């Protein structure tokens, strides 16, 4: 039986991504350094703090068909993160199903799931910078031009000079925690048992989920 209750709409700070946003993610910016983390959060439901700490060759278990979630990142001051096995809850250490998009994104990769542009461990600033850059990459791909140059290209100026109008610039607005919310929402909508979803999300009980 399905024990998960139907949702009452999008409430709270975070939201599930739309189907259009999911298609964009699967189509664009695969070479961006944030892409493996985006796909992993989206299709495994891991927390952003767990994404910051994940070492691919430790987590990825293709034979068992799971991701081993065993570490998290804690703020340690001065913009830094400390990778630790002390998880958010006792249920946070878990195995989650290895979905095909995650396997495709991680296969052949080694090291941390996401790093700075120089390949170093992420900091709070470089994490924000990575996702700001990913947002720019996505918006440029979606609109065919960056926001900075929207309406300023020769093609756009020709349309405007001829009395035409440009469509509104399409923004890409998902933030990292939205991917975890999406995973949980999709599980609910596809009839995953509540107790199973709690385990996959690493929640202590049903209150948070």
Protein backbone atom coordinates (compact mmCIF):
# COMPACT_ATOMS: atom_id res chain seq x y z
CA UNK A 1 0.00 0.00 0.00
CA UNK A 2 1.07 3.56 -0.56
CA UNK A 3 1.46 5.29 2.77
CA UNK A 4 2.86 8.63 1.60
CA UNK A 5 0.27 11.38 1.80
CA UNK A 6 -0.49 13.63 -1.15
CA UNK A 7 1.27 16.95 -1.05
CA UNK A 8 -0.55 20.21 -0.36
CA UNK A 9 1.41 22.24 -2.89
CA UNK A 10 4.78 23.93 -2.85
CA UNK A 11 5.33 25.30 0.63
CA UNK A 12 8.46 26.20 2.54
CA UNK A 13 11.76 27.60 1.37
CA UNK A 14 12.57 24.97 -1.24
CA UNK A 15 10.66 23.41 -4.11
CA UNK A 16 10.79 20.50 -6.54
CA UNK A 17 12.11 21.44 -9.95
CA UNK A 18 9.74 21.49 -12.91
CA UNK A 19 9.73 18.92 -15.70
CA UNK A 20 11.09 21.59 -18.06
CA UNK A 21 13.96 22.32 -15.67
CA UNK A 22 14.73 18.60 -15.46
CA UNK A 23 14.94 18.38 -19.25
CA UNK A 24 17.24 21.39 -19.36
CA UNK A 25 19.53 19.84 -16.74
CA UNK A 26 19.72 16.59 -18.70
CA UNK A 27 20.44 18.46 -21.94
CA UNK A 28 22.80 21.33 -21.13
CA UNK A 29 26.09 22.10 -19.36
CA UNK A 30 27.30 18.52 -18.87
CA UNK A 31 30.90 19.72 -18.91
CA UNK A 32 30.36 22.18 -16.05
CA UNK A 33 32.13 21.21 -12.82
CA UNK A 34 28.87 21.49 -10.83
CA UNK A 35 27.02 19.07 -13.13
CA UNK A 36 28.02 15.80 -11.35
CA UNK A 37 26.87 17.25 -8.03
CA UNK A 38 23.60 18.51 -9.55
CA UNK A 39 22.77 15.12 -11.06
CA UNK A 40 23.77 13.25 -7.91
CA UNK A 41 21.65 15.45 -5.64
CA UNK A 42 18.75 15.28 -8.09
CA UNK A 43 18.73 11.51 -8.56
CA UNK A 44 19.92 10.31 -5.15
CA UNK A 45 18.48 12.94 -2.80
CA UNK A 46 21.73 13.57 -0.96
CA UNK A 47 22.09 16.76 1.07
CA UNK A 48 24.29 19.55 -0.31
CA UNK A 49 26.58 19.00 2.70
CA UNK A 50 26.93 15.36 1.68
CA UNK A 51 27.67 16.35 -1.92
CA UNK A 52 30.49 18.60 -0.72
CA UNK A 53 32.08 15.69 1.12
CA UNK A 54 31.53 12.84 -1.35
CA UNK A 55 34.53 11.03 -2.79
CA UNK A 56 33.33 9.34 -5.95
CA UNK A 57 35.36 6.12 -5.81
CA UNK A 58 34.32 5.58 -2.18
CA UNK A 59 30.64 6.28 -2.74
CA UNK A 60 30.05 4.68 -6.13
CA UNK A 61 29.31 0.95 -5.91
CA UNK A 62 28.22 -0.07 -9.39
CA UNK A 63 28.24 -3.80 -8.54
CA UNK A 64 25.80 -3.35 -5.65
CA UNK A 65 23.87 -0.67 -7.51
CA UNK A 66 24.08 1.87 -4.70
CA UNK A 67 25.79 5.03 -3.53
CA UNK A 68 27.31 4.73 -0.06
CA UNK A 69 26.61 7.97 1.84
CA UNK A 70 29.15 7.95 4.67
CA UNK A 71 30.48 11.50 5.10
CA UNK A 72 29.30 15.07 5.34
CA UNK A 73 30.85 18.53 5.36
CA UNK A 74 30.71 20.76 8.43
CA UNK A 75 31.53 24.46 8.47
CA UNK A 76 34.79 24.84 10.35
CA UNK A 77 35.17 28.61 10.21
CA UNK A 78 37.03 30.93 7.85
CA UNK A 79 34.95 29.84 4.87
CA UNK A 80 36.21 26.25 5.14
CA UNK A 81 34.53 22.85 5.40
CA UNK A 82 35.71 19.87 7.38
CA UNK A 83 34.80 16.47 5.97
CA UNK A 84 33.53 14.23 8.75
CA UNK A 85 31.89 10.86 9.34
CA UNK A 86 29.72 12.49 12.01
CA UNK A 87 26.49 12.73 10.06
CA UNK A 88 23.44 14.93 10.62
CA UNK A 89 21.44 12.04 12.13
CA UNK A 90 22.20 8.41 12.90
CA UNK A 91 20.14 7.51 9.83
CA UNK A 92 22.21 9.73 7.53
CA UNK A 93 24.79 7.01 6.95
CA UNK A 94 22.96 5.05 4.30
CA UNK A 95 22.92 3.44 0.89
CA UNK A 96 20.73 4.93 -1.84
CA UNK A 97 19.83 3.38 -5.21
CA UNK A 98 22.29 4.16 -7.98
CA UNK A 99 20.11 5.70 -10.68
CA UNK A 100 21.28 5.55 -14.33
CA UNK A 101 21.77 9.35 -14.69
CA UNK A 102 24.06 9.33 -11.63
CA UNK A 103 26.07 6.40 -12.95
CA UNK A 104 26.42 8.11 -16.33
CA UNK A 105 27.61 11.33 -14.68
CA UNK A 106 30.09 9.69 -12.27
CA UNK A 107 31.46 6.74 -14.23
CA UNK A 108 35.15 7.25 -14.99
CA UNK A 109 35.47 10.13 -12.52
CA UNK A 110 37.58 10.10 -9.38
CA UNK A 111 38.09 12.35 -6.39
CA UNK A 112 35.65 14.74 -4.80
CA UNK A 113 32.22 15.07 -6.39
CA UNK A 114 32.69 18.84 -6.67
CA UNK A 115 35.82 20.94 -6.29
CA UNK A 116 36.98 24.48 -6.84
CA UNK A 117 37.95 25.56 -10.35
CA UNK A 118 41.52 24.58 -9.43
CA UNK A 119 40.53 21.12 -8.28
CA UNK A 120 40.78 21.85 -4.56
CA UNK A 121 38.30 21.08 -1.80
CA UNK A 122 35.24 23.31 -1.99
CA UNK A 123 34.73 26.23 0.40
CA UNK A 124 31.49 28.03 1.18
CA UNK A 125 32.45 30.81 -1.25
CA UNK A 126 33.58 28.52 -4.06
CA UNK A 127 30.43 26.40 -3.61
CA UNK A 128 28.28 29.50 -4.20
CA UNK A 129 30.51 30.54 -7.09
CA UNK A 130 30.18 27.10 -8.71
CA UNK A 131 26.39 27.23 -8.66
CA UNK A 132 26.29 30.87 -9.79
CA UNK A 133 28.46 29.80 -12.72
CA UNK A 134 26.22 26.79 -13.38
CA UNK A 135 23.17 29.07 -13.37
CA UNK A 136 24.87 31.33 -15.94
CA UNK A 137 25.79 28.32 -18.08
CA UNK A 138 22.23 27.04 -18.01
CA UNK A 139 20.64 30.41 -18.77
CA UNK A 140 23.03 30.98 -21.66
CA UNK A 141 22.19 27.55 -23.09
CA UNK A 142 18.43 28.03 -22.60
CA UNK A 143 18.31 31.53 -24.10
CA UNK A 144 21.08 31.15 -26.66
CA UNK A 145 22.92 34.09 -25.18
CA UNK A 146 23.97 35.25 -21.71
CA UNK A 147 21.88 37.74 -19.76
CA UNK A 148 24.64 40.30 -20.23
CA UNK A 149 24.27 40.20 -24.00
CA UNK A 150 20.53 39.60 -24.19
CA UNK A 151 19.09 42.27 -26.49
CA UNK A 152 22.56 43.47 -27.49
CA UNK A 153 23.55 40.96 -30.16
CA UNK A 154 23.30 41.87 -33.85
CA UNK A 155 20.40 39.47 -34.27
CA UNK A 156 18.52 40.89 -31.30
CA UNK A 157 19.17 44.49 -32.36
CA UNK A 158 17.88 43.72 -35.84
CA UNK A 159 14.65 42.33 -34.38
CA UNK A 160 14.22 45.36 -32.13
CA UNK A 161 15.08 47.82 -34.92
CA UNK A 162 12.43 46.19 -37.07
CA UNK A 163 9.83 46.82 -34.37
CA UNK A 164 9.81 43.28 -33.08
CA UNK A 165 9.93 42.09 -29.50
CA UNK A 166 12.21 39.61 -27.81
CA UNK A 167 10.72 36.94 -25.59
CA UNK A 168 11.38 37.43 -21.87
CA UNK A 169 14.78 36.21 -20.71
CA UNK A 170 14.30 32.77 -19.14
CA UNK A 171 15.91 32.44 -15.72
CA UNK A 172 17.20 29.17 -14.27
CA UNK A 173 16.32 29.37 -10.58
CA UNK A 174 16.82 25.98 -8.85
CA UNK A 175 19.20 26.03 -5.88
CA UNK A 176 21.08 22.98 -4.52
CA UNK A 177 18.54 21.93 -1.89
CA UNK A 178 15.76 21.99 -4.49
CA UNK A 179 17.33 18.89 -6.05
CA UNK A 180 16.94 16.93 -2.81
CA UNK A 181 13.34 18.11 -2.50
CA UNK A 182 12.72 17.00 -6.08
CA UNK A 183 14.03 13.50 -5.39
CA UNK A 184 11.77 13.12 -2.36
CA UNK A 185 8.75 14.52 -4.21
CA UNK A 186 9.26 12.22 -7.20
CA UNK A 187 9.52 9.23 -4.87
CA UNK A 188 6.24 10.18 -3.26
CA UNK A 189 4.53 10.79 -6.60
CA UNK A 190 5.70 7.42 -7.94
CA UNK A 191 4.42 5.48 -4.96
CA UNK A 192 7.63 4.75 -3.07
CA UNK A 193 6.74 3.54 0.41
CA UNK A 194 7.12 6.22 3.08
CA UNK A 195 9.45 4.14 5.25
CA UNK A 196 11.65 3.47 2.20
CA UNK A 197 11.78 7.14 1.30
CA UNK A 198 12.75 7.99 4.89
CA UNK A 199 15.67 5.57 4.63
CA UNK A 200 16.82 6.92 1.27
CA UNK A 201 16.60 10.52 2.48
CA UNK A 202 18.47 9.74 5.69
CA UNK A 203 15.75 11.11 7.96
CA UNK A 204 15.39 9.92 11.54
CA UNK A 205 11.59 9.65 11.29
CA UNK A 206 8.53 10.73 9.31
CA UNK A 207 8.28 14.23 10.82
CA UNK A 208 10.90 15.85 8.58
CA UNK A 209 9.92 14.08 5.39
